[in-house]
């Protein structure tokens, strides 16, 4: 299971997911950080998040993680 999201505080967001504070990800704990990308603006981050979420095949995400 992969989770794709954006935040301005990755440590805090990961802690919330692993504490069970996010209902949609609670059943899949523990979460491990596999890859991060840094963007200059929230808009750029949102565009990239939507792009990644549009990838329907798990293999596409796995290729990204290997790069």
PDB file of N, CA and C in Angstrom:
ATOM      1  N   UNK A   1       0.857  -1.180   0.000  1.00  0.00           N
ATOM      2  CA  UNK A   1       0.000   0.000   0.000  1.00  0.00           C
ATOM      3  C   UNK A   1       0.892   1.228   0.000  1.00  0.00           C
ATOM      4  N   UNK A   2       0.569   2.174  -0.852  1.00  0.00           N
ATOM      5  CA  UNK A   2       1.307   3.419  -0.920  1.00  0.00           C
ATOM      6  C   UNK A   2       0.362   4.571  -0.614  1.00  0.00           C
ATOM      7  N   UNK A   3       0.873   5.547   0.110  1.00  0.00           N
ATOM      8  CA  UNK A   3       0.133   6.767   0.400  1.00  0.00           C
ATOM      9  C   UNK A   3       0.869   7.903  -0.277  1.00  0.00           C
ATOM     10  N   UNK A   4       0.145   8.738  -0.962  1.00  0.00           N
ATOM     11  CA  UNK A   4       0.721   9.908  -1.622  1.00  0.00           C
ATOM     12  C   UNK A   4       0.025  11.131  -1.063  1.00  0.00           C
ATOM     13  N   UNK A   5       0.804  12.086  -0.588  1.00  0.00           N
ATOM     14  CA  UNK A   5       0.223  13.297  -0.039  1.00  0.00           C
ATOM     15  C   UNK A   5       1.243  14.413  -0.021  1.00  0.00           C
ATOM     16  N   UNK A   6       0.799  15.589   0.377  1.00  0.00           N
ATOM     17  CA  UNK A   6       1.707  16.725   0.481  1.00  0.00           C
ATOM     18  C   UNK A   6       1.526  17.390   1.840  1.00  0.00           C
ATOM     19  N   UNK A   7       2.601  17.965   2.322  1.00  0.00           N
ATOM     20  CA  UNK A   7       2.601  18.621   3.621  1.00  0.00           C
ATOM     21  C   UNK A   7       3.788  19.565   3.702  1.00  0.00           C
ATOM     22  N   UNK A   8       3.746  20.481   4.636  1.00  0.00           N
ATOM     23  CA  UNK A   8       4.907  21.338   4.869  1.00  0.00           C
ATOM     24  C   UNK A   8       5.697  20.877   6.095  1.00  0.00           C
ATOM     25  N   UNK A   9       5.268  19.765   6.718  1.00  0.00           N
ATOM     26  CA  UNK A   9       5.980  19.208   7.867  1.00  0.00           C
ATOM     27  C   UNK A   9       5.881  17.686   7.805  1.00  0.00           C
ATOM     28  N   UNK A  10       6.827  17.057   7.132  1.00  0.00           N
ATOM     29  CA  UNK A  10       6.762  15.621   6.872  1.00  0.00           C
ATOM     30  C   UNK A  10       6.843  14.792   8.152  1.00  0.00           C
ATOM     31  N   UNK A  11       7.670  15.214   9.105  1.00  0.00           N
ATOM     32  CA  UNK A  11       7.796  14.452  10.345  1.00  0.00           C
ATOM     33  C   UNK A  11       6.475  14.416  11.113  1.00  0.00           C
ATOM     34  N   UNK A  12       5.819  15.564  11.197  1.00  0.00           N
ATOM     35  CA  UNK A  12       4.535  15.646  11.897  1.00  0.00           C
ATOM     36  C   UNK A  12       3.461  14.830  11.171  1.00  0.00           C
ATOM     37  N   UNK A  13       3.433  14.911   9.861  1.00  0.00           N
ATOM     38  CA  UNK A  13       2.415  14.187   9.082  1.00  0.00           C
ATOM     39  C   UNK A  13       2.596  12.683   9.221  1.00  0.00           C
ATOM     40  N   UNK A  14       3.831  12.199   9.136  1.00  0.00           N
ATOM     41  CA  UNK A  14       4.097  10.777   9.293  1.00  0.00           C
ATOM     42  C   UNK A  14       3.718  10.308  10.697  1.00  0.00           C
ATOM     43  N   UNK A  15       4.017  11.120  11.695  1.00  0.00           N
ATOM     44  CA  UNK A  15       3.652  10.779  13.079  1.00  0.00           C
ATOM     45  C   UNK A  15       2.137  10.663  13.231  1.00  0.00           C
ATOM     46  N   UNK A  16       1.375  11.555  12.604  1.00  0.00           N
ATOM     47  CA  UNK A  16      -0.094  11.490  12.671  1.00  0.00           C
ATOM     48  C   UNK A  16      -0.615  10.202  12.033  1.00  0.00           C
ATOM     49  N   UNK A  17      -0.054   9.843  10.890  1.00  0.00           N
ATOM     50  CA  UNK A  17      -0.479   8.608  10.231  1.00  0.00           C
ATOM     51  C   UNK A  17      -0.170   7.399  11.110  1.00  0.00           C
ATOM     52  N   UNK A  18       1.001   7.359  11.687  1.00  0.00           N
ATOM     53  CA  UNK A  18       1.396   6.213  12.493  1.00  0.00           C
ATOM     54  C   UNK A  18       0.718   6.171  13.858  1.00  0.00           C
ATOM     55  N   UNK A  19       0.210   7.314  14.322  1.00  0.00           N
ATOM     56  CA  UNK A  19      -0.532   7.356  15.579  1.00  0.00           C
ATOM     57  C   UNK A  19      -1.989   6.937  15.379  1.00  0.00           C
ATOM     58  N   UNK A  20      -2.404   6.786  14.133  1.00  0.00           N
ATOM     59  CA  UNK A  20      -3.787   6.410  13.849  1.00  0.00           C
ATOM     60  C   UNK A  20      -4.737   7.583  13.814  1.00  0.00           C
ATOM     61  N   UNK A  21      -4.205   8.790  13.709  1.00  0.00           N
ATOM     62  CA  UNK A  21      -5.034   9.996  13.703  1.00  0.00           C
ATOM     63  C   UNK A  21      -5.706  10.279  12.364  1.00  0.00           C
ATOM     64  N   UNK A  22      -5.319   9.547  11.327  1.00  0.00           N
ATOM     65  CA  UNK A  22      -5.896   9.741  10.000  1.00  0.00           C
ATOM     66  C   UNK A  22      -6.725   8.493   9.679  1.00  0.00           C
ATOM     67  N   UNK A  23      -8.056   8.607   9.717  1.00  0.00           N
ATOM     68  CA  UNK A  23      -8.907   7.421   9.559  1.00  0.00           C
ATOM     69  C   UNK A  23      -8.642   6.604   8.300  1.00  0.00           C
ATOM     70  N   UNK A  24      -8.352   7.263   7.192  1.00  0.00           N
ATOM     71  CA  UNK A  24      -8.175   6.526   5.931  1.00  0.00           C
ATOM     72  C   UNK A  24      -6.886   5.705   5.889  1.00  0.00           C
ATOM     73  N   UNK A  25      -5.901   6.049   6.701  1.00  0.00           N
ATOM     74  CA  UNK A  25      -4.637   5.308   6.686  1.00  0.00           C
ATOM     75  C   UNK A  25      -4.423   4.472   7.939  1.00  0.00           C
ATOM     76  N   UNK A  26      -5.282   4.629   8.924  1.00  0.00           N
ATOM     77  CA  UNK A  26      -5.123   3.930  10.206  1.00  0.00           C
ATOM     78  C   UNK A  26      -4.977   2.409  10.072  1.00  0.00           C
ATOM     79  N   UNK A  27      -5.776   1.741   9.239  1.00  0.00           N
ATOM     80  CA  UNK A  27      -5.671   0.276   9.164  1.00  0.00           C
ATOM     81  C   UNK A  27      -4.361  -0.236   8.563  1.00  0.00           C
ATOM     82  N   UNK A  28      -3.590   0.627   7.955  1.00  0.00           N
ATOM     83  CA  UNK A  28      -2.402   0.183   7.219  1.00  0.00           C
ATOM     84  C   UNK A  28      -1.087   0.509   7.927  1.00  0.00           C
ATOM     85  N   UNK A  29      -1.169   0.862   9.191  1.00  0.00           N
ATOM     86  CA  UNK A  29       0.043   1.209   9.947  1.00  0.00           C
ATOM     87  C   UNK A  29       0.923  -0.001  10.156  1.00  0.00           C
ATOM     88  N   UNK A  30       2.210   0.186  10.339  1.00  0.00           N
ATOM     89  CA  UNK A  30       2.946   1.452  10.361  1.00  0.00           C
ATOM     90  C   UNK A  30       3.333   1.900   8.954  1.00  0.00           C
ATOM     91  N   UNK A  31       3.444   3.207   8.792  1.00  0.00           N
ATOM     92  CA  UNK A  31       3.857   3.804   7.534  1.00  0.00           C
ATOM     93  C   UNK A  31       5.344   4.093   7.578  1.00  0.00           C
ATOM     94  N   UNK A  32       6.007   3.887   6.447  1.00  0.00           N
ATOM     95  CA  UNK A  32       7.426   4.197   6.321  1.00  0.00           C
ATOM     96  C   UNK A  32       7.596   5.190   5.184  1.00  0.00           C
ATOM     97  N   UNK A  33       8.442   6.169   5.404  1.00  0.00           N
ATOM     98  CA  UNK A  33       8.715   7.156   4.378  1.00  0.00           C
ATOM     99  C   UNK A  33       9.637   6.544   3.338  1.00  0.00           C
ATOM    100  N   UNK A  34       9.216   6.541   2.104  1.00  0.00           N
ATOM    101  CA  UNK A  34       9.991   5.920   1.028  1.00  0.00           C
ATOM    102  C   UNK A  34      10.631   6.944   0.097  1.00  0.00           C
ATOM    103  N   UNK A  35       9.967   8.066  -0.121  1.00  0.00           N
ATOM    104  CA  UNK A  35      10.496   9.070  -1.058  1.00  0.00           C
ATOM    105  C   UNK A  35       9.867  10.417  -0.747  1.00  0.00           C
ATOM    106  N   UNK A  36      10.651  11.462  -0.882  1.00  0.00           N
ATOM    107  CA  UNK A  36      10.126  12.818  -0.753  1.00  0.00           C
ATOM    108  C   UNK A  36      10.563  13.624  -1.970  1.00  0.00           C
ATOM    109  N   UNK A  37       9.789  14.620  -2.277  1.00  0.00           N
ATOM    110  CA  UNK A  37      10.123  15.587  -3.316  1.00  0.00           C
ATOM    111  C   UNK A  37       9.821  16.962  -2.734  1.00  0.00           C
ATOM    112  N   UNK A  38      10.676  17.907  -2.990  1.00  0.00           N
ATOM    113  CA  UNK A  38      10.520  19.251  -2.442  1.00  0.00           C
ATOM    114  C   UNK A  38      10.139  20.209  -3.569  1.00  0.00           C
ATOM    115  N   UNK A  39       9.148  21.071  -3.283  1.00  0.00           N
ATOM    116  CA  UNK A  39       8.671  22.039  -4.262  1.00  0.00           C
ATOM    117  C   UNK A  39       8.708  23.435  -3.653  1.00  0.00           C
ATOM    118  N   UNK A  40       8.836  24.434  -4.510  1.00  0.00           N
ATOM    119  CA  UNK A  40       8.907  25.819  -4.054  1.00  0.00           C
ATOM    120  C   UNK A  40       7.550  26.361  -3.608  1.00  0.00           C
ATOM    121  N   UNK A  41       6.481  25.859  -4.225  1.00  0.00           N
ATOM    122  CA  UNK A  41       5.156  26.380  -3.893  1.00  0.00           C
ATOM    123  C   UNK A  41       4.182  25.232  -3.613  1.00  0.00           C
ATOM    124  N   UNK A  42       3.142  25.559  -2.876  1.00  0.00           N
ATOM    125  CA  UNK A  42       2.086  24.587  -2.599  1.00  0.00           C
ATOM    126  C   UNK A  42       1.399  24.171  -3.895  1.00  0.00           C
ATOM    127  N   UNK A  43       1.270  25.101  -4.812  1.00  0.00           N
ATOM    128  CA  UNK A  43       0.641  24.814  -6.103  1.00  0.00           C
ATOM    129  C   UNK A  43       1.428  23.762  -6.878  1.00  0.00           C
ATOM    130  N   UNK A  44       2.742  23.903  -6.916  1.00  0.00           N
ATOM    131  CA  UNK A  44       3.580  22.915  -7.602  1.00  0.00           C
ATOM    132  C   UNK A  44       3.458  21.539  -6.948  1.00  0.00           C
ATOM    133  N   UNK A  45       3.429  21.523  -5.627  1.00  0.00           N
ATOM    134  CA  UNK A  45       3.292  20.257  -4.896  1.00  0.00           C
ATOM    135  C   UNK A  45       1.948  19.609  -5.196  1.00  0.00           C
ATOM    136  N   UNK A  46       0.896  20.399  -5.250  1.00  0.00           N
ATOM    137  CA  UNK A  46      -0.446  19.871  -5.525  1.00  0.00           C
ATOM    138  C   UNK A  46      -0.535  19.276  -6.934  1.00  0.00           C
ATOM    139  N   UNK A  47       0.088  19.947  -7.887  1.00  0.00           N
ATOM    140  CA  UNK A  47       0.087  19.438  -9.269  1.00  0.00           C
ATOM    141  C   UNK A  47       0.791  18.087  -9.324  1.00  0.00           C
ATOM    142  N   UNK A  48       1.943  17.984  -8.653  1.00  0.00           N
ATOM    143  CA  UNK A  48       2.683  16.718  -8.655  1.00  0.00           C
ATOM    144  C   UNK A  48       1.891  15.625  -7.924  1.00  0.00           C
ATOM    145  N   UNK A  49       1.257  15.970  -6.819  1.00  0.00           N
ATOM    146  CA  UNK A  49       0.448  14.998  -6.081  1.00  0.00           C
ATOM    147  C   UNK A  49      -0.670  14.446  -6.961  1.00  0.00           C
ATOM    148  N   UNK A  50      -1.353  15.305  -7.674  1.00  0.00           N
ATOM    149  CA  UNK A  50      -2.435  14.863  -8.556  1.00  0.00           C
ATOM    150  C   UNK A  50      -1.896  13.995  -9.687  1.00  0.00           C
ATOM    151  N   UNK A  51      -0.717  14.341 -10.204  1.00  0.00           N
ATOM    152  CA  UNK A  51      -0.100  13.530 -11.246  1.00  0.00           C
ATOM    153  C   UNK A  51       0.168  12.117 -10.733  1.00  0.00           C
ATOM    154  N   UNK A  52       0.785  12.015  -9.572  1.00  0.00           N
ATOM    155  CA  UNK A  52       1.099  10.703  -9.009  1.00  0.00           C
ATOM    156  C   UNK A  52      -0.166   9.909  -8.701  1.00  0.00           C
ATOM    157  N   UNK A  53      -1.171  10.571  -8.177  1.00  0.00           N
ATOM    158  CA  UNK A  53      -2.421   9.881  -7.846  1.00  0.00           C
ATOM    159  C   UNK A  53      -3.176   9.430  -9.091  1.00  0.00           C
ATOM    160  N   UNK A  54      -2.868  10.033 -10.226  1.00  0.00           N
ATOM    161  CA  UNK A  54      -3.540   9.628 -11.469  1.00  0.00           C
ATOM    162  C   UNK A  54      -2.941   8.343 -12.042  1.00  0.00           C
ATOM    163  N   UNK A  55      -1.751   7.975 -11.579  1.00  0.00           N
ATOM    164  CA  UNK A  55      -1.120   6.738 -12.039  1.00  0.00           C
ATOM    165  C   UNK A  55      -1.876   5.573 -11.449  1.00  0.00           C
ATOM    166  N   UNK A  56      -2.517   4.794 -12.266  1.00  0.00           N
ATOM    167  CA  UNK A  56      -3.369   3.711 -11.790  1.00  0.00           C
ATOM    168  C   UNK A  56      -2.608   2.426 -11.506  1.00  0.00           C
ATOM    169  N   UNK A  57      -1.450   2.280 -12.128  1.00  0.00           N
ATOM    170  CA  UNK A  57      -0.712   1.029 -11.969  1.00  0.00           C
ATOM    171  C   UNK A  57       0.307   1.131 -10.839  1.00  0.00           C
ATOM    172  N   UNK A  58       0.299   0.158  -9.977  1.00  0.00           N
ATOM    173  CA  UNK A  58       1.256   0.092  -8.883  1.00  0.00           C
ATOM    174  C   UNK A  58       2.689   0.076  -9.418  1.00  0.00           C
ATOM    175  N   UNK A  59       2.885  -0.543 -10.571  1.00  0.00           N
ATOM    176  CA  UNK A  59       4.229  -0.645 -11.149  1.00  0.00           C
ATOM    177  C   UNK A  59       4.810   0.737 -11.465  1.00  0.00           C
ATOM    178  N   UNK A  60       3.981   1.692 -11.815  1.00  0.00           N
ATOM    179  CA  UNK A  60       4.472   3.046 -12.102  1.00  0.00           C
ATOM    180  C   UNK A  60       5.028   3.686 -10.830  1.00  0.00           C
ATOM    181  N   UNK A  61       4.332   3.512  -9.727  1.00  0.00           N
ATOM    182  CA  UNK A  61       4.802   4.047  -8.442  1.00  0.00           C
ATOM    183  C   UNK A  61       6.090   3.333  -8.033  1.00  0.00           C
ATOM    184  N   UNK A  62       6.159   2.033  -8.217  1.00  0.00           N
ATOM    185  CA  UNK A  62       7.355   1.281  -7.839  1.00  0.00           C
ATOM    186  C   UNK A  62       8.564   1.715  -8.670  1.00  0.00           C
ATOM    187  N   UNK A  63       8.366   2.023  -9.948  1.00  0.00           N
ATOM    188  CA  UNK A  63       9.470   2.527 -10.775  1.00  0.00           C
ATOM    189  C   UNK A  63       9.964   3.864 -10.242  1.00  0.00           C
ATOM    190  N   UNK A  64       9.051   4.727  -9.817  1.00  0.00           N
ATOM    191  CA  UNK A  64       9.427   6.015  -9.250  1.00  0.00           C
ATOM    192  C   UNK A  64      10.257   5.813  -7.983  1.00  0.00           C
ATOM    193  N   UNK A  65       9.880   4.868  -7.159  1.00  0.00           N
ATOM    194  CA  UNK A  65      10.601   4.635  -5.915  1.00  0.00           C
ATOM    195  C   UNK A  65      12.010   4.109  -6.142  1.00  0.00           C
ATOM    196  N   UNK A  66      12.231   3.444  -7.253  1.00  0.00           N
ATOM    197  CA  UNK A  66      13.552   2.904  -7.567  1.00  0.00           C
ATOM    198  C   UNK A  66      14.491   3.969  -8.125  1.00  0.00           C
ATOM    199  N   UNK A  67      13.926   5.070  -8.614  1.00  0.00           N
ATOM    200  CA  UNK A  67      14.769   6.107  -9.231  1.00  0.00           C
ATOM    201  C   UNK A  67      15.436   6.979  -8.195  1.00  0.00           C
TER     202      UNK A  67
END
